[in-house]
Structure formats: structure tokens, C-alpha cells
Amino acid sequence: MTVTQPFVVCMVVGAMTFLIAKSFLNIFSFSMDAILQSFLLDEAMGFAGVARPDSMADFKEKVEKRTKSVVEK
């Protein structure tokens, strides 16, 4: 089979690549929103990290350190 118009093939491959990347990023974005909302709900309700994983507790400490350093400047 001989390809006489490589531009058409490139456009089809490019469109498929775009759709796959867009699908992945939509799922990733939804997951990050859910994690962030869970973290903010935990903070707002004052659970003090009872249901928070250790990695999220580390994140909270880093955010507090950066916030304090920015406020002090």
C-alpha cells in the first residue's frame, strides 16, 4: 500500500494523539480537584488531620511554612 498524501495520515494521527492527551488530562484534573476539595474540607471542618494520609500532612506543613515566610516578608 502506497501513501500518496502523508499530510492526511499525519492529521489523523495528530487528532488521535490530541484526543488521548485531552482525555488523560481531564481525568487527572478531576482527580486533583477531588483531592484538593477533600483537603480543604478537612481543614474547614477542623478534623486536624485525623483522616488525612501522611503525605497530605507533609503537604500541609510545607504550605504553612511557605505561608509564614511570605507573610513575614
N, C-alpha and C. Protein backbone atom coordinates (compact mmCIF):
# COMPACT_ATOMS: atom_id res chain seq x y z
N MET A 1 0.84 -1.17 0.00
CA MET A 1 0.00 0.00 0.00
C MET A 1 0.89 1.24 0.00
N THR A 2 0.66 2.13 -0.90
CA THR A 2 1.45 3.34 -1.02
C THR A 2 0.65 4.53 -0.50
N VAL A 3 1.29 5.31 0.33
CA VAL A 3 0.66 6.51 0.87
C VAL A 3 1.03 7.67 -0.05
N THR A 4 0.01 8.25 -0.68
CA THR A 4 0.27 9.36 -1.60
C THR A 4 0.12 10.71 -0.92
N GLN A 5 -0.63 10.77 0.17
CA GLN A 5 -0.85 12.01 0.90
C GLN A 5 -0.45 11.82 2.36
N PRO A 6 0.82 12.00 2.73
CA PRO A 6 1.22 11.81 4.13
C PRO A 6 0.61 12.86 5.05
N PHE A 7 0.21 13.99 4.50
CA PHE A 7 -0.40 15.04 5.32
C PHE A 7 -1.69 14.54 5.98
N VAL A 8 -2.49 13.79 5.24
CA VAL A 8 -3.75 13.27 5.78
C VAL A 8 -3.47 12.29 6.92
N VAL A 9 -2.50 11.42 6.76
CA VAL A 9 -2.15 10.46 7.79
C VAL A 9 -1.65 11.19 9.04
N CYS A 10 -0.83 12.21 8.84
CA CYS A 10 -0.33 13.00 9.98
C CYS A 10 -1.46 13.70 10.71
N MET A 11 -2.43 14.20 9.99
CA MET A 11 -3.57 14.87 10.62
C MET A 11 -4.40 13.87 11.45
N VAL A 12 -4.61 12.67 10.94
CA VAL A 12 -5.37 11.66 11.67
C VAL A 12 -4.62 11.25 12.93
N VAL A 13 -3.33 11.01 12.82
CA VAL A 13 -2.52 10.64 13.98
C VAL A 13 -2.49 11.79 14.99
N GLY A 14 -2.35 13.00 14.51
CA GLY A 14 -2.35 14.17 15.39
C GLY A 14 -3.66 14.33 16.13
N ALA A 15 -4.78 14.12 15.43
CA ALA A 15 -6.10 14.22 16.07
C ALA A 15 -6.27 13.14 17.13
N MET A 16 -5.85 11.93 16.83
CA MET A 16 -5.95 10.85 17.81
C MET A 16 -5.08 11.14 19.03
N THR A 17 -3.88 11.64 18.81
CA THR A 17 -2.98 11.97 19.91
C THR A 17 -3.58 13.06 20.78
N PHE A 18 -4.17 14.07 20.15
CA PHE A 18 -4.80 15.16 20.89
C PHE A 18 -5.94 14.64 21.77
N LEU A 19 -6.78 13.77 21.22
CA LEU A 19 -7.92 13.24 21.99
C LEU A 19 -7.46 12.38 23.16
N ILE A 20 -6.44 11.58 22.97
CA ILE A 20 -5.92 10.75 24.07
C ILE A 20 -5.32 11.63 25.16
N ALA A 21 -4.54 12.63 24.78
CA ALA A 21 -3.93 13.52 25.77
C ALA A 21 -5.01 14.31 26.51
N LYS A 22 -6.01 14.79 25.80
CA LYS A 22 -7.09 15.55 26.42
C LYS A 22 -7.87 14.68 27.40
N SER A 23 -8.12 13.44 27.06
CA SER A 23 -8.82 12.52 27.96
C SER A 23 -8.02 12.28 29.23
N PHE A 24 -6.72 12.04 29.08
CA PHE A 24 -5.87 11.82 30.25
C PHE A 24 -5.86 13.05 31.15
N LEU A 25 -5.70 14.22 30.57
CA LEU A 25 -5.63 15.44 31.37
C LEU A 25 -6.97 15.76 32.04
N ASN A 26 -8.08 15.40 31.42
CA ASN A 26 -9.38 15.60 32.06
C ASN A 26 -9.51 14.73 33.31
N ILE A 27 -9.09 13.48 33.21
CA ILE A 27 -9.15 12.58 34.36
C ILE A 27 -8.20 13.07 35.45
N PHE A 28 -7.00 13.48 35.07
CA PHE A 28 -6.02 13.99 36.03
C PHE A 28 -6.56 15.24 36.73
N SER A 29 -7.16 16.14 35.98
CA SER A 29 -7.71 17.37 36.55
C SER A 29 -8.84 17.07 37.53
N PHE A 30 -9.71 16.16 37.17
CA PHE A 30 -10.81 15.78 38.06
C PHE A 30 -10.27 15.19 39.36
N SER A 31 -9.24 14.36 39.26
CA SER A 31 -8.65 13.75 40.46
C SER A 31 -8.01 14.79 41.36
N MET A 32 -7.29 15.73 40.77
CA MET A 32 -6.65 16.78 41.56
C MET A 32 -7.69 17.68 42.24
N ASP A 33 -8.78 17.98 41.55
CA ASP A 33 -9.85 18.77 42.17
C ASP A 33 -10.45 18.05 43.37
N ALA A 34 -10.68 16.75 43.22
CA ALA A 34 -11.26 15.97 44.31
C ALA A 34 -10.32 15.92 45.52
N ILE A 35 -9.04 15.74 45.28
CA ILE A 35 -8.07 15.69 46.38
C ILE A 35 -7.99 17.05 47.07
N LEU A 36 -7.95 18.12 46.30
CA LEU A 36 -7.87 19.45 46.88
C LEU A 36 -9.12 19.79 47.69
N GLN A 37 -10.28 19.44 47.17
CA GLN A 37 -11.52 19.69 47.91
C GLN A 37 -11.57 18.89 49.20
N SER A 38 -11.08 17.66 49.16
CA SER A 38 -11.05 16.85 50.38
C SER A 38 -10.13 17.48 51.43
N PHE A 39 -9.00 17.98 50.98
CA PHE A 39 -8.06 18.62 51.89
C PHE A 39 -8.68 19.88 52.50
N LEU A 40 -9.31 20.70 51.66
CA LEU A 40 -9.91 21.93 52.17
C LEU A 40 -11.08 21.65 53.10
N LEU A 41 -11.87 20.63 52.81
CA LEU A 41 -12.97 20.25 53.70
C LEU A 41 -12.42 19.78 55.04
N ASP A 42 -11.36 19.01 55.01
CA ASP A 42 -10.73 18.55 56.25
C ASP A 42 -10.25 19.73 57.09
N GLU A 43 -9.67 20.72 56.43
CA GLU A 43 -9.20 21.92 57.14
C GLU A 43 -10.37 22.73 57.68
N ALA A 44 -11.41 22.92 56.89
CA ALA A 44 -12.54 23.76 57.28
C ALA A 44 -13.35 23.14 58.42
N MET A 45 -13.46 21.83 58.43
CA MET A 45 -14.26 21.18 59.46
C MET A 45 -13.45 20.94 60.74
N GLY A 46 -12.16 21.20 60.69
CA GLY A 46 -11.34 21.12 61.89
C GLY A 46 -11.06 19.71 62.37
N PHE A 47 -10.92 18.77 61.46
CA PHE A 47 -10.61 17.41 61.88
C PHE A 47 -9.16 17.25 62.30
N ALA A 48 -8.36 18.26 62.06
CA ALA A 48 -6.95 18.28 62.45
C ALA A 48 -6.17 17.09 61.91
N GLY A 49 -6.51 16.64 60.74
CA GLY A 49 -5.74 15.61 60.08
C GLY A 49 -6.01 14.20 60.55
N VAL A 50 -7.14 13.95 61.21
CA VAL A 50 -7.43 12.61 61.70
C VAL A 50 -7.55 11.62 60.54
N ALA A 51 -8.22 12.04 59.48
CA ALA A 51 -8.42 11.15 58.34
C ALA A 51 -7.46 11.45 57.21
N ARG A 52 -6.43 12.24 57.49
CA ARG A 52 -5.50 12.69 56.46
C ARG A 52 -4.33 11.73 56.34
N PRO A 53 -3.97 11.33 55.12
CA PRO A 53 -2.78 10.49 54.94
C PRO A 53 -1.51 11.27 55.31
N ASP A 54 -0.45 10.55 55.59
CA ASP A 54 0.81 11.17 55.99
C ASP A 54 1.35 12.11 54.91
N SER A 55 1.20 11.73 53.65
CA SER A 55 1.71 12.58 52.58
C SER A 55 0.96 13.91 52.54
N MET A 56 -0.32 13.90 52.86
CA MET A 56 -1.09 15.14 52.89
C MET A 56 -0.69 15.99 54.09
N ALA A 57 -0.35 15.35 55.20
CA ALA A 57 0.11 16.10 56.38
C ALA A 57 1.43 16.80 56.07
N ASP A 58 2.31 16.13 55.35
CA ASP A 58 3.56 16.76 54.95
C ASP A 58 3.30 17.96 54.05
N PHE A 59 2.36 17.82 53.15
CA PHE A 59 1.99 18.92 52.26
C PHE A 59 1.48 20.10 53.07
N LYS A 60 0.66 19.84 54.07
CA LYS A 60 0.10 20.91 54.90
C LYS A 60 1.21 21.65 55.63
N GLU A 61 2.18 20.92 56.15
CA GLU A 61 3.30 21.55 56.86
C GLU A 61 4.10 22.44 55.92
N LYS A 62 4.34 21.97 54.70
CA LYS A 62 5.10 22.77 53.73
C LYS A 62 4.33 24.04 53.36
N VAL A 63 3.03 23.92 53.19
CA VAL A 63 2.21 25.09 52.85
C VAL A 63 2.23 26.09 53.99
N GLU A 64 2.14 25.62 55.22
CA GLU A 64 2.18 26.52 56.37
C GLU A 64 3.52 27.24 56.48
N LYS A 65 4.62 26.53 56.21
CA LYS A 65 5.94 27.15 56.26
C LYS A 65 6.06 28.24 55.21
N ARG A 66 5.61 27.95 53.99
CA ARG A 66 5.69 28.95 52.92
C ARG A 66 4.79 30.14 53.20
N THR A 67 3.62 29.87 53.75
CA THR A 67 2.70 30.96 54.06
C THR A 67 3.30 31.88 55.12
N LYS A 68 3.91 31.30 56.13
CA LYS A 68 4.52 32.11 57.20
C LYS A 68 5.68 32.93 56.64
N SER A 69 6.48 32.35 55.76
CA SER A 69 7.62 33.08 55.21
C SER A 69 7.16 34.22 54.30
N VAL A 70 6.08 34.03 53.57
CA VAL A 70 5.56 35.08 52.69
C VAL A 70 4.94 36.20 53.52
N VAL A 71 4.21 35.85 54.58
CA VAL A 71 3.56 36.84 55.42
C VAL A 71 4.59 37.68 56.17
N GLU A 72 5.68 37.06 56.59
CA GLU A 72 6.72 37.77 57.33
C GLU A 72 7.46 38.79 56.47
N LYS A 73 7.52 38.57 55.18
CA LYS A 73 8.24 39.49 54.29
C LYS A 73 7.45 40.70 54.08
